[in-house]
Amino acid sequence: MRIVYACNQMIRRYGDLKFFTDLKLLNGMIRNNWNVCTFSDRDIAKFTAPLGIKPLGTASANRHFFETCVNFQPDAIIIGHCDILTNATIKRIKHQLPNTPVIYYNVDALWIQSNVDKIHHRKEVVDSIFVTTGGGSLDPFRTQSNVVSYIPNATDPAIDQFNNSIKTEFDRDLMYCGKGDTSDERYPLIIRLHEKLNDHLRFDTYGIYGKADVWGTAYEKVMTSSKMALNLNRVEGWPLYSSDRIAQLLGNGLLTFVWDKGNMRHLLSDDHVVFFKDEDELVRKAIDFQHDDGKRQAVAAAGRAFYHEHFSAQRVTQFMIEMTFRRLSTHDYLWSV
């Protein structure tokens, strides 16, 4: 299968990478033995713009994307968070390549209205939409002809290559990395957790409280030197939603604590993560696992193996293609049941 894949490859950052979802999905496509031609819209816009001023490269990026699709003649076009690419350009491509479906995915939260607006904008020109939130919140994006579905945050064995479940020596026992401020609902919770846990374990937080936020290699170093981690979203309870943090933590073998909300038990069980219903239960379980490293290793190892098997980027991208072309499923996709 021939794919044109438009995403943010962050070439202009010269290795100082902030996000990994796009790269994981690219790896998944290649593992599926697809012939993938990538197009990094933000990089093209910057590199072709006068004086390197990215907004001035919008027209050029759209022109080159049209050219790329026509030259490569793909079987499908997959578009991530590519706000630089206009609907007008996608319409031109579909007119030129009428048998080539356009697939759009969005991994941002649906409680952010601007993100909802972006999906509504794209639904007019794409053939399928995949979002990392499930349930009825996807219904407004449906048209008479498109495909709309949930996808989980993907993992990849090359990027999520570490395995903390087999380690016993760490710089910290519990970590949380997240961007936020004092208005964030997580902020007071994290302060209280420090008060309740600091006498029992080494707890470090980055970004929202405590230490400065970390990205790229610095984030990787913090994550791989941590025994356990919190998966806290800005807003909890949206169906099946989590930030891509959950794939990073589970994929690298950290024992991960997850709110028992949003029907997350549809994807994971107590064998894979540590669910908690309230703050007191979280504190109690964190201390319990701190004093039982064998149990910590067992759950973390099971969670890592399960996540890599069922939520790999290879499987997620295969699901996207099968849904778009309305083919029979080649796997038992746990999230589609």
C-alpha atoms as a PDB file:
ATOM      1  CA  MET A   1       0.000   0.000   0.000  1.00  0.00           C
ATOM      2  CA  ARG A   2       1.225   3.490  -0.916  1.00  0.00           C
ATOM      3  CA  ILE A   3       0.614   6.207   1.697  1.00  0.00           C
ATOM      4  CA  VAL A   4       1.212   9.945   1.738  1.00  0.00           C
ATOM      5  CA  TYR A   5       1.500  10.839   5.416  1.00  0.00           C
ATOM      6  CA  ALA A   6       1.293  14.492   6.440  1.00  0.00           C
ATOM      7  CA  CYS A   7       2.389  15.104  10.010  1.00  0.00           C
ATOM      8  CA  ASN A   8       4.702  17.179  12.180  1.00  0.00           C
ATOM      9  CA  GLN A   9       8.096  15.490  11.923  1.00  0.00           C
ATOM     10  CA  MET A  10       9.804  18.360  13.783  1.00  0.00           C
ATOM     11  CA  ILE A  11      12.789  18.414  11.432  1.00  0.00           C
ATOM     12  CA  ARG A  12      13.280  22.106  12.243  1.00  0.00           C
ATOM     13  CA  ARG A  13      13.905  21.199  15.894  1.00  0.00           C
ATOM     14  CA  TYR A  14      17.073  19.276  15.014  1.00  0.00           C
ATOM     15  CA  GLY A  15      16.515  16.398  17.416  1.00  0.00           C
ATOM     16  CA  ASP A  16      14.930  18.396  20.259  1.00  0.00           C
ATOM     17  CA  LEU A  17      11.653  16.532  19.857  1.00  0.00           C
ATOM     18  CA  LYS A  18       8.585  17.337  21.949  1.00  0.00           C
ATOM     19  CA  PHE A  19       5.978  14.849  20.799  1.00  0.00           C
ATOM     20  CA  PHE A  20       6.170  11.291  19.541  1.00  0.00           C
ATOM     21  CA  THR A  21       2.707  10.230  18.339  1.00  0.00           C
ATOM     22  CA  ASP A  22       3.273  11.170  14.695  1.00  0.00           C
ATOM     23  CA  LEU A  23       6.603   9.344  14.605  1.00  0.00           C
ATOM     24  CA  LYS A  24       5.128   6.268  16.269  1.00  0.00           C
ATOM     25  CA  LEU A  25       2.366   6.083  13.677  1.00  0.00           C
ATOM     26  CA  LEU A  26       4.937   6.477  10.910  1.00  0.00           C
ATOM     27  CA  ASN A  27       6.888   3.547  12.332  1.00  0.00           C
ATOM     28  CA  GLY A  28       3.669   1.551  12.507  1.00  0.00           C
ATOM     29  CA  MET A  29       2.959   2.172   8.840  1.00  0.00           C
ATOM     30  CA  ILE A  30       6.443   1.030   7.891  1.00  0.00           C
ATOM     31  CA  ARG A  31       6.075  -2.095  10.070  1.00  0.00           C
ATOM     32  CA  ASN A  32       2.933  -2.818   8.045  1.00  0.00           C
ATOM     33  CA  ASN A  33       5.179  -2.886   4.970  1.00  0.00           C
ATOM     34  CA  TRP A  34       3.550   0.197   3.468  1.00  0.00           C
ATOM     35  CA  ASN A  35       5.430   2.499   1.118  1.00  0.00           C
ATOM     36  CA  VAL A  36       5.182   5.816   2.964  1.00  0.00           C
ATOM     37  CA  CYS A  37       5.969   9.248   1.552  1.00  0.00           C
ATOM     38  CA  THR A  38       6.067  11.727   4.429  1.00  0.00           C
ATOM     39  CA  PHE A  39       5.229  15.414   4.260  1.00  0.00           C
ATOM     40  CA  SER A  40       6.020  17.618   7.268  1.00  0.00           C
ATOM     41  CA  ASP A  41       3.817  20.639   6.678  1.00  0.00           C
ATOM     42  CA  ARG A  42       5.264  22.876   9.386  1.00  0.00           C
ATOM     43  CA  ASP A  43       8.829  22.186   8.340  1.00  0.00           C
ATOM     44  CA  ILE A  44       8.086  22.749   4.655  1.00  0.00           C
ATOM     45  CA  ALA A  45       6.298  26.004   5.494  1.00  0.00           C
ATOM     46  CA  LYS A  46       9.280  27.257   7.487  1.00  0.00           C
ATOM     47  CA  PHE A  47      11.981  26.096   5.089  1.00  0.00           C
ATOM     48  CA  THR A  48      10.280  27.556   1.993  1.00  0.00           C
ATOM     49  CA  ALA A  49       9.118  30.826   3.581  1.00  0.00           C
ATOM     50  CA  PRO A  50      10.900  34.142   3.025  1.00  0.00           C
ATOM     51  CA  LEU A  51      13.377  34.673   5.884  1.00  0.00           C
ATOM     52  CA  GLY A  52      12.172  31.397   7.412  1.00  0.00           C
ATOM     53  CA  ILE A  53       9.010  33.052   8.770  1.00  0.00           C
ATOM     54  CA  LYS A  54       6.669  30.062   8.898  1.00  0.00           C
ATOM     55  CA  PRO A  55       3.308  31.833   8.325  1.00  0.00           C
ATOM     56  CA  LEU A  56       4.697  33.217   5.069  1.00  0.00           C
ATOM     57  CA  GLY A  57       5.257  29.642   3.865  1.00  0.00           C
ATOM     58  CA  THR A  58       1.628  28.511   4.083  1.00  0.00           C
ATOM     59  CA  ALA A  59       0.875  28.877   0.381  1.00  0.00           C
ATOM     60  CA  SER A  60       4.123  27.180  -0.557  1.00  0.00           C
ATOM     61  CA  ALA A  61       3.484  24.250   1.788  1.00  0.00           C
ATOM     62  CA  ASN A  62       0.015  23.704   0.337  1.00  0.00           C
ATOM     63  CA  ARG A  63       1.334  23.849  -3.186  1.00  0.00           C
ATOM     64  CA  HIS A  64       4.046  21.316  -2.404  1.00  0.00           C
ATOM     65  CA  PHE A  65       1.580  18.995  -0.641  1.00  0.00           C
ATOM     66  CA  PHE A  66      -0.628  18.932  -3.720  1.00  0.00           C
ATOM     67  CA  GLU A  67       2.424  18.245  -5.835  1.00  0.00           C
ATOM     68  CA  THR A  68       3.558  15.451  -3.513  1.00  0.00           C
ATOM     69  CA  CYS A  69       0.217  13.645  -3.642  1.00  0.00           C
ATOM     70  CA  VAL A  70      -0.107  13.913  -7.406  1.00  0.00           C
ATOM     71  CA  ASN A  71       3.475  12.743  -7.960  1.00  0.00           C
ATOM     72  CA  PHE A  72       3.335   9.824  -5.509  1.00  0.00           C
ATOM     73  CA  GLN A  73      -0.131   8.568  -6.491  1.00  0.00           C
ATOM     74  CA  PRO A  74      -0.971   7.080  -3.058  1.00  0.00           C
ATOM     75  CA  ASP A  75      -3.633   4.535  -2.230  1.00  0.00           C
ATOM     76  CA  ALA A  76      -4.531   6.641   0.830  1.00  0.00           C
ATOM     77  CA  ILE A  77      -3.578   9.974   2.368  1.00  0.00           C
ATOM     78  CA  ILE A  78      -3.239  10.241   6.150  1.00  0.00           C
ATOM     79  CA  ILE A  79      -3.244  13.681   7.770  1.00  0.00           C
ATOM     80  CA  GLY A  80      -2.463  14.448  11.392  1.00  0.00           C
ATOM     81  CA  HIS A  81      -2.551  17.841  13.112  1.00  0.00           C
ATOM     82  CA  CYS A  82      -1.641  19.750   9.958  1.00  0.00           C
ATOM     83  CA  ASP A  83      -3.402  23.087  10.374  1.00  0.00           C
ATOM     84  CA  ILE A  84      -1.238  24.632   7.654  1.00  0.00           C
ATOM     85  CA  LEU A  85      -2.832  22.387   5.024  1.00  0.00           C
ATOM     86  CA  THR A  86      -6.115  23.914   3.891  1.00  0.00           C
ATOM     87  CA  ASN A  87      -9.380  22.220   3.027  1.00  0.00           C
ATOM     88  CA  ALA A  88      -9.138  23.853  -0.374  1.00  0.00           C
ATOM     89  CA  THR A  89      -5.896  21.987  -1.033  1.00  0.00           C
ATOM     90  CA  ILE A  90      -7.439  18.690   0.098  1.00  0.00           C
ATOM     91  CA  LYS A  91     -10.385  19.282  -2.248  1.00  0.00           C
ATOM     92  CA  ARG A  92      -7.972  19.872  -5.146  1.00  0.00           C
ATOM     93  CA  ILE A  93      -6.193  16.616  -4.321  1.00  0.00           C
ATOM     94  CA  LYS A  94      -9.457  14.670  -4.127  1.00  0.00           C
ATOM     95  CA  HIS A  95     -10.498  16.090  -7.488  1.00  0.00           C
ATOM     96  CA  GLN A  96      -7.186  14.970  -8.970  1.00  0.00           C
ATOM     97  CA  LEU A  97      -7.174  11.606  -7.149  1.00  0.00           C
ATOM     98  CA  PRO A  98     -10.881  10.739  -6.788  1.00  0.00           C
ATOM     99  CA  ASN A  99     -10.275   7.145  -5.684  1.00  0.00           C
ATOM    100  CA  THR A 100      -7.822   8.033  -2.929  1.00  0.00           C
ATOM    101  CA  PRO A 101      -9.419   8.397   0.530  1.00  0.00           C
ATOM    102  CA  VAL A 102      -8.180  11.049   2.941  1.00  0.00           C
ATOM    103  CA  ILE A 103      -7.822   9.919   6.563  1.00  0.00           C
ATOM    104  CA  TYR A 104      -7.620  12.446   9.415  1.00  0.00           C
ATOM    105  CA  TYR A 105      -6.657  11.758  13.013  1.00  0.00           C
ATOM    106  CA  ASN A 106      -6.760  13.989  16.069  1.00  0.00           C
ATOM    107  CA  VAL A 107      -5.199  13.111  19.427  1.00  0.00           C
ATOM    108  CA  ASP A 108      -6.144  16.239  21.373  1.00  0.00           C
ATOM    109  CA  ALA A 109      -8.881  16.505  23.992  1.00  0.00           C
ATOM    110  CA  LEU A 110     -12.474  17.223  23.034  1.00  0.00           C
ATOM    111  CA  TRP A 111     -13.106  19.511  26.002  1.00  0.00           C
ATOM    112  CA  ILE A 112     -10.980  22.068  24.122  1.00  0.00           C
ATOM    113  CA  GLN A 113     -13.473  23.866  21.892  1.00  0.00           C
ATOM    114  CA  SER A 114     -10.865  24.992  19.396  1.00  0.00           C
ATOM    115  CA  ASN A 115      -9.955  21.350  18.839  1.00  0.00           C
ATOM    116  CA  VAL A 116     -13.586  20.385  18.311  1.00  0.00           C
ATOM    117  CA  ASP A 117     -13.832  23.212  15.777  1.00  0.00           C
ATOM    118  CA  LYS A 118     -10.809  21.836  13.910  1.00  0.00           C
ATOM    119  CA  ILE A 119     -12.425  18.409  13.556  1.00  0.00           C
ATOM    120  CA  HIS A 120     -15.690  19.940  12.348  1.00  0.00           C
ATOM    121  CA  HIS A 121     -13.680  21.921   9.816  1.00  0.00           C
ATOM    122  CA  ARG A 122     -11.907  18.816   8.508  1.00  0.00           C
ATOM    123  CA  LYS A 123     -14.980  16.577   8.374  1.00  0.00           C
ATOM    124  CA  GLU A 124     -16.174  18.405   5.258  1.00  0.00           C
ATOM    125  CA  VAL A 125     -13.272  17.125   3.133  1.00  0.00           C
ATOM    126  CA  VAL A 126     -11.979  13.871   4.650  1.00  0.00           C
ATOM    127  CA  ASP A 127     -13.295  10.329   4.323  1.00  0.00           C
ATOM    128  CA  SER A 128     -12.545   9.100   7.841  1.00  0.00           C
ATOM    129  CA  ILE A 129     -11.826  10.626  11.241  1.00  0.00           C
ATOM    130  CA  PHE A 130     -10.035   8.948  14.147  1.00  0.00           C
ATOM    131  CA  VAL A 131      -9.945  10.505  17.616  1.00  0.00           C
ATOM    132  CA  THR A 132      -8.447   9.432  20.955  1.00  0.00           C
ATOM    133  CA  THR A 133     -11.757  10.090  22.735  1.00  0.00           C
ATOM    134  CA  GLY A 134     -14.622   7.605  22.421  1.00  0.00           C
ATOM    135  CA  GLY A 135     -18.340   7.390  23.034  1.00  0.00           C
ATOM    136  CA  GLY A 136     -21.088   9.739  21.965  1.00  0.00           C
ATOM    137  CA  SER A 137     -18.715  12.699  21.824  1.00  0.00           C
ATOM    138  CA  LEU A 138     -17.768  11.514  18.329  1.00  0.00           C
ATOM    139  CA  ASP A 139     -21.331  11.634  16.967  1.00  0.00           C
ATOM    140  CA  PRO A 140     -21.273  15.319  15.939  1.00  0.00           C
ATOM    141  CA  PHE A 141     -18.410  14.569  13.551  1.00  0.00           C
ATOM    142  CA  ARG A 142     -20.374  12.006  11.557  1.00  0.00           C
ATOM    143  CA  THR A 143     -21.730  12.772   8.105  1.00  0.00           C
ATOM    144  CA  GLN A 144     -23.789  10.589   5.791  1.00  0.00           C
ATOM    145  CA  SER A 145     -20.680   9.145   4.183  1.00  0.00           C
ATOM    146  CA  ASN A 146     -17.661   9.319   6.485  1.00  0.00           C
ATOM    147  CA  VAL A 147     -16.157   6.878   8.987  1.00  0.00           C
ATOM    148  CA  VAL A 148     -15.634   8.134  12.559  1.00  0.00           C
ATOM    149  CA  SER A 149     -13.985   6.027  15.232  1.00  0.00           C
ATOM    150  CA  TYR A 150     -11.966   5.981  18.415  1.00  0.00           C
ATOM    151  CA  ILE A 151      -8.282   4.978  18.400  1.00  0.00           C
ATOM    152  CA  PRO A 152      -6.036   4.465  21.437  1.00  0.00           C
ATOM    153  CA  ASN A 153      -2.749   6.246  21.991  1.00  0.00           C
ATOM    154  CA  ALA A 154      -0.220   4.111  20.184  1.00  0.00           C
ATOM    155  CA  THR A 155       3.078   2.666  21.296  1.00  0.00           C
ATOM    156  CA  ASP A 156       6.096   1.626  19.233  1.00  0.00           C
ATOM    157  CA  PRO A 157       8.920  -0.752  20.186  1.00  0.00           C
ATOM    158  CA  ALA A 158      11.608   1.512  18.727  1.00  0.00           C
ATOM    159  CA  ILE A 159      10.481   4.651  20.570  1.00  0.00           C
ATOM    160  CA  ASP A 160       9.051   2.969  23.691  1.00  0.00           C
ATOM    161  CA  GLN A 161      12.098   0.751  23.939  1.00  0.00           C
ATOM    162  CA  PHE A 162      12.818   0.855  27.669  1.00  0.00           C
ATOM    163  CA  ASN A 163      11.565  -1.587  30.297  1.00  0.00           C
ATOM    164  CA  ASN A 164      11.512  -0.205  33.815  1.00  0.00           C
ATOM    165  CA  SER A 165       9.601  -3.254  35.032  1.00  0.00           C
ATOM    166  CA  ILE A 166      12.823  -5.274  35.151  1.00  0.00           C
ATOM    167  CA  LYS A 167      14.827  -2.582  36.949  1.00  0.00           C
ATOM    168  CA  THR A 168      15.220  -2.194  40.696  1.00  0.00           C
ATOM    169  CA  GLU A 169      17.383   0.936  40.989  1.00  0.00           C
ATOM    170  CA  PHE A 170      15.786   4.330  40.298  1.00  0.00           C
ATOM    171  CA  ASP A 171      16.408   8.030  40.909  1.00  0.00           C
ATOM    172  CA  ARG A 172      12.831   8.465  42.094  1.00  0.00           C
ATOM    173  CA  ASP A 173       9.926   6.252  43.122  1.00  0.00           C
ATOM    174  CA  LEU A 174       7.027   8.225  41.637  1.00  0.00           C
ATOM    175  CA  MET A 175       6.892  10.891  38.961  1.00  0.00           C
ATOM    176  CA  TYR A 176       4.455  13.107  37.159  1.00  0.00           C
ATOM    177  CA  CYS A 177       5.153  15.277  34.136  1.00  0.00           C
ATOM    178  CA  GLY A 178       2.488  17.630  32.854  1.00  0.00           C
ATOM    179  CA  LYS A 179       1.998  21.153  31.616  1.00  0.00           C
ATOM    180  CA  GLY A 180      -0.352  23.336  33.641  1.00  0.00           C
ATOM    181  CA  ASP A 181      -0.706  26.191  36.125  1.00  0.00           C
ATOM    182  CA  THR A 182      -2.394  26.996  39.438  1.00  0.00           C
ATOM    183  CA  SER A 183      -5.838  27.073  37.787  1.00  0.00           C
ATOM    184  CA  ASP A 184      -5.455  23.431  36.757  1.00  0.00           C
ATOM    185  CA  GLU A 185      -7.490  20.919  38.808  1.00  0.00           C
ATOM    186  CA  ARG A 186      -4.377  18.737  39.045  1.00  0.00           C
ATOM    187  CA  TYR A 187      -2.407  21.450  40.827  1.00  0.00           C
ATOM    188  CA  PRO A 188      -3.988  21.191  44.325  1.00  0.00           C
ATOM    189  CA  LEU A 189      -4.113  17.397  44.035  1.00  0.00           C
ATOM    190  CA  ILE A 190      -0.383  17.207  43.351  1.00  0.00           C
ATOM    191  CA  ILE A 191       0.376  19.516  46.275  1.00  0.00           C
ATOM    192  CA  ARG A 192      -1.649  17.305  48.625  1.00  0.00           C
ATOM    193  CA  LEU A 193       0.030  14.174  47.237  1.00  0.00           C
ATOM    194  CA  HIS A 194       3.427  15.647  48.030  1.00  0.00           C
ATOM    195  CA  GLU A 195       2.274  16.307  51.590  1.00  0.00           C
ATOM    196  CA  LYS A 196       0.979  12.770  52.028  1.00  0.00           C
ATOM    197  CA  LEU A 197       3.673  10.830  50.167  1.00  0.00           C
ATOM    198  CA  ASN A 198       6.977  12.591  50.716  1.00  0.00           C
ATOM    199  CA  ASP A 199       7.613  10.737  53.984  1.00  0.00           C
ATOM    200  CA  HIS A 200       7.080   7.402  52.245  1.00  0.00           C
ATOM    201  CA  LEU A 201       8.714   7.681  48.820  1.00  0.00           C
ATOM    202  CA  ARG A 202      10.649   9.962  46.481  1.00  0.00           C
ATOM    203  CA  PHE A 203       8.043  11.878  44.485  1.00  0.00           C
ATOM    204  CA  ASP A 204       9.068  14.333  41.745  1.00  0.00           C
ATOM    205  CA  THR A 205       6.735  16.442  39.634  1.00  0.00           C
ATOM    206  CA  TYR A 206       7.676  18.418  36.548  1.00  0.00           C
ATOM    207  CA  GLY A 207       5.937  21.256  34.769  1.00  0.00           C
ATOM    208  CA  ILE A 208       2.728  21.782  36.673  1.00  0.00           C
ATOM    209  CA  TYR A 209       4.304  21.977  40.139  1.00  0.00           C
ATOM    210  CA  GLY A 210       7.752  21.444  41.592  1.00  0.00           C
ATOM    211  CA  LYS A 211      10.430  21.234  38.933  1.00  0.00           C
ATOM    212  CA  ALA A 212      10.550  22.784  35.470  1.00  0.00           C
ATOM    213  CA  ASP A 213       8.879  20.896  32.650  1.00  0.00           C
ATOM    214  CA  VAL A 214      11.002  18.527  30.604  1.00  0.00           C
ATOM    215  CA  TRP A 215      10.776  17.503  26.956  1.00  0.00           C
ATOM    216  CA  GLY A 216      12.563  15.284  24.493  1.00  0.00           C
ATOM    217  CA  THR A 217      15.689  13.580  25.753  1.00  0.00           C
ATOM    218  CA  ALA A 218      15.366  15.254  29.161  1.00  0.00           C
ATOM    219  CA  TYR A 219      11.853  13.821  29.561  1.00  0.00           C
ATOM    220  CA  GLU A 220      13.073  10.412  28.454  1.00  0.00           C
ATOM    221  CA  LYS A 221      15.801  10.470  31.107  1.00  0.00           C
ATOM    222  CA  VAL A 222      13.306  11.348  33.848  1.00  0.00           C
ATOM    223  CA  MET A 223      10.853   8.687  32.717  1.00  0.00           C
ATOM    224  CA  THR A 224      13.410   5.887  32.427  1.00  0.00           C
ATOM    225  CA  SER A 225      14.819   6.636  35.878  1.00  0.00           C
ATOM    226  CA  SER A 226      11.398   6.469  37.581  1.00  0.00           C
ATOM    227  CA  LYS A 227       9.804   3.419  39.178  1.00  0.00           C
ATOM    228  CA  MET A 228       6.144   4.493  39.071  1.00  0.00           C
ATOM    229  CA  ALA A 229       4.165   7.298  37.461  1.00  0.00           C
ATOM    230  CA  LEU A 230       0.856   9.135  37.587  1.00  0.00           C
ATOM    231  CA  ASN A 231      -1.326   9.396  34.488  1.00  0.00           C
ATOM    232  CA  LEU A 232      -3.336  12.520  35.264  1.00  0.00           C
ATOM    233  CA  ASN A 233      -5.318  14.357  32.580  1.00  0.00           C
ATOM    234  CA  ARG A 234      -6.387  17.967  32.767  1.00  0.00           C
ATOM    235  CA  VAL A 235     -10.010  16.763  32.792  1.00  0.00           C
ATOM    236  CA  GLU A 236     -10.923  13.201  33.763  1.00  0.00           C
ATOM    237  CA  GLY A 237     -13.903  11.089  32.794  1.00  0.00           C
ATOM    238  CA  TRP A 238     -14.150  11.584  29.042  1.00  0.00           C
ATOM    239  CA  PRO A 239     -14.826   8.196  27.418  1.00  0.00           C
ATOM    240  CA  LEU A 240     -11.585   6.256  26.881  1.00  0.00           C
ATOM    241  CA  TYR A 241      -9.575   9.481  26.776  1.00  0.00           C
ATOM    242  CA  SER A 242      -6.048   9.863  27.991  1.00  0.00           C
ATOM    243  CA  SER A 243      -3.201  12.008  26.814  1.00  0.00           C
ATOM    244  CA  ASP A 244      -0.469  10.091  25.008  1.00  0.00           C
ATOM    245  CA  ARG A 245       1.366  10.013  28.338  1.00  0.00           C
ATOM    246  CA  ILE A 246      -0.331   6.693  29.058  1.00  0.00           C
ATOM    247  CA  ALA A 247       1.355   5.045  26.060  1.00  0.00           C
ATOM    248  CA  GLN A 248       4.746   6.431  27.077  1.00  0.00           C
ATOM    249  CA  LEU A 249       4.471   5.230  30.661  1.00  0.00           C
ATOM    250  CA  LEU A 250       3.021   1.794  30.017  1.00  0.00           C
ATOM    251  CA  GLY A 251       5.109   1.306  26.908  1.00  0.00           C
ATOM    252  CA  ASN A 252       8.304   1.800  28.888  1.00  0.00           C
ATOM    253  CA  GLY A 253       7.363  -0.397  31.827  1.00  0.00           C
ATOM    254  CA  LEU A 254       6.534   2.129  34.544  1.00  0.00           C
ATOM    255  CA  LEU A 255       3.877   1.092  37.023  1.00  0.00           C
ATOM    256  CA  THR A 256       1.114   3.531  36.066  1.00  0.00           C
ATOM    257  CA  PHE A 257      -1.654   4.935  38.272  1.00  0.00           C
ATOM    258  CA  VAL A 258      -4.888   5.725  36.394  1.00  0.00           C
ATOM    259  CA  TRP A 259      -8.158   7.315  37.507  1.00  0.00           C
ATOM    260  CA  ASP A 260     -10.999   4.782  37.489  1.00  0.00           C
ATOM    261  CA  LYS A 261     -13.084   7.001  35.224  1.00  0.00           C
ATOM    262  CA  GLY A 262     -14.005   7.303  31.565  1.00  0.00           C
ATOM    263  CA  ASN A 263     -14.512   3.551  31.133  1.00  0.00           C
ATOM    264  CA  MET A 264     -10.758   2.988  30.980  1.00  0.00           C
ATOM    265  CA  ARG A 265     -11.366  -0.551  32.227  1.00  0.00           C
ATOM    266  CA  HIS A 266     -12.654  -1.271  28.732  1.00  0.00           C
ATOM    267  CA  LEU A 267      -9.013  -1.038  27.611  1.00  0.00           C
ATOM    268  CA  LEU A 268      -7.015  -2.058  30.679  1.00  0.00           C
ATOM    269  CA  SER A 269      -7.467  -4.097  33.845  1.00  0.00           C
ATOM    270  CA  ASP A 270      -6.014  -4.290  37.343  1.00  0.00           C
ATOM    271  CA  ASP A 271      -3.435  -6.678  35.910  1.00  0.00           C
ATOM    272  CA  HIS A 272      -1.974  -3.852  33.798  1.00  0.00           C
ATOM    273  CA  VAL A 273      -2.346  -0.592  35.741  1.00  0.00           C
ATOM    274  CA  VAL A 274      -3.266   0.627  39.210  1.00  0.00           C
ATOM    275  CA  PHE A 275      -6.765   2.112  39.158  1.00  0.00           C
ATOM    276  CA  PHE A 276      -7.840   4.502  41.889  1.00  0.00           C
ATOM    277  CA  LYS A 277     -11.226   6.070  42.647  1.00  0.00           C
ATOM    278  CA  ASP A 278     -10.098   8.874  44.937  1.00  0.00           C
ATOM    279  CA  GLU A 279      -7.085  10.555  46.419  1.00  0.00           C
ATOM    280  CA  ASP A 280      -6.922   8.384  49.541  1.00  0.00           C
ATOM    281  CA  GLU A 281      -6.946   5.202  47.479  1.00  0.00           C
ATOM    282  CA  LEU A 282      -4.153   6.566  45.305  1.00  0.00           C
ATOM    283  CA  VAL A 283      -2.006   7.366  48.338  1.00  0.00           C
ATOM    284  CA  ARG A 284      -2.661   3.987  49.910  1.00  0.00           C
ATOM    285  CA  LYS A 285      -1.838   2.056  46.760  1.00  0.00           C
ATOM    286  CA  ALA A 286       1.274   4.087  46.010  1.00  0.00           C
ATOM    287  CA  ILE A 287       2.680   3.293  49.445  1.00  0.00           C
ATOM    288  CA  ASP A 288       1.652  -0.348  49.101  1.00  0.00           C
ATOM    289  CA  PHE A 289       3.480  -0.801  45.790  1.00  0.00           C
ATOM    290  CA  GLN A 290       6.454   1.113  47.138  1.00  0.00           C
ATOM    291  CA  HIS A 291       6.883  -1.598  49.779  1.00  0.00           C
ATOM    292  CA  ASP A 292       6.188  -4.555  47.471  1.00  0.00           C
ATOM    293  CA  ASP A 293       8.556  -4.315  44.548  1.00  0.00           C
ATOM    294  CA  GLY A 294       7.772  -7.800  43.314  1.00  0.00           C
ATOM    295  CA  LYS A 295       4.135  -6.833  42.852  1.00  0.00           C
ATOM    296  CA  ARG A 296       5.187  -3.561  41.249  1.00  0.00           C
ATOM    297  CA  GLN A 297       7.350  -5.396  38.726  1.00  0.00           C
ATOM    298  CA  ALA A 298       4.641  -7.941  37.926  1.00  0.00           C
ATOM    299  CA  VAL A 299       1.928  -5.378  37.162  1.00  0.00           C
ATOM    300  CA  ALA A 300       4.305  -3.084  35.274  1.00  0.00           C
ATOM    301  CA  ALA A 301       5.599  -5.971  33.149  1.00  0.00           C
ATOM    302  CA  ALA A 302       2.089  -7.177  32.350  1.00  0.00           C
ATOM    303  CA  GLY A 303       0.986  -3.654  31.475  1.00  0.00           C
ATOM    304  CA  ARG A 304       3.938  -3.102  29.169  1.00  0.00           C
ATOM    305  CA  ALA A 305       3.482  -6.412  27.353  1.00  0.00           C
ATOM    306  CA  PHE A 306      -0.280  -5.914  26.992  1.00  0.00           C
ATOM    307  CA  TYR A 307       0.032  -2.353  25.697  1.00  0.00           C
ATOM    308  CA  HIS A 308       2.696  -3.222  23.140  1.00  0.00           C
ATOM    309  CA  GLU A 309       0.659  -6.164  21.896  1.00  0.00           C
ATOM    310  CA  HIS A 310      -2.771  -4.573  21.595  1.00  0.00           C
ATOM    311  CA  PHE A 311      -2.106  -0.843  21.110  1.00  0.00           C
ATOM    312  CA  SER A 312       0.921  -0.832  18.843  1.00  0.00           C
ATOM    313  CA  ALA A 313       1.157   1.828  16.152  1.00  0.00           C
ATOM    314  CA  GLN A 314       1.275  -0.992  13.638  1.00  0.00           C
ATOM    315  CA  ARG A 315      -2.112  -2.246  14.791  1.00  0.00           C
ATOM    316  CA  VAL A 316      -3.634   1.233  15.151  1.00  0.00           C
ATOM    317  CA  THR A 317      -2.697   2.273  11.613  1.00  0.00           C
ATOM    318  CA  GLN A 318      -3.920  -1.048  10.222  1.00  0.00           C
ATOM    319  CA  PHE A 319      -7.258  -0.408  11.950  1.00  0.00           C
ATOM    320  CA  MET A 320      -7.466   3.056  10.376  1.00  0.00           C
ATOM    321  CA  ILE A 321      -6.989   1.634   6.894  1.00  0.00           C
ATOM    322  CA  GLU A 322      -9.415  -1.254   7.400  1.00  0.00           C
ATOM    323  CA  MET A 323     -12.111   1.044   8.736  1.00  0.00           C
ATOM    324  CA  THR A 324     -11.614   3.571   5.953  1.00  0.00           C
ATOM    325  CA  PHE A 325     -11.776   0.950   3.192  1.00  0.00           C
ATOM    326  CA  ARG A 326     -14.492  -0.951   5.098  1.00  0.00           C
ATOM    327  CA  ARG A 327     -12.498  -4.159   5.072  1.00  0.00           C
ATOM    328  CA  LEU A 328     -12.859  -7.122   7.400  1.00  0.00           C
ATOM    329  CA  SER A 329     -10.747  -6.763  10.527  1.00  0.00           C
ATOM    330  CA  THR A 330      -7.468  -8.636  10.572  1.00  0.00           C
ATOM    331  CA  HIS A 331      -7.117  -8.291  14.358  1.00  0.00           C
ATOM    332  CA  ASP A 332      -9.257  -8.352  17.455  1.00  0.00           C
ATOM    333  CA  TYR A 333      -9.179  -4.595  18.065  1.00  0.00           C
ATOM    334  CA  LEU A 334     -10.018  -4.313  21.749  1.00  0.00           C
ATOM    335  CA  TRP A 335     -11.093  -0.689  21.507  1.00  0.00           C
ATOM    336  CA  SER A 336     -13.623  -1.285  18.718  1.00  0.00           C
ATOM    337  CA  VAL A 337     -15.817  -3.760  20.632  1.00  0.00           C
END
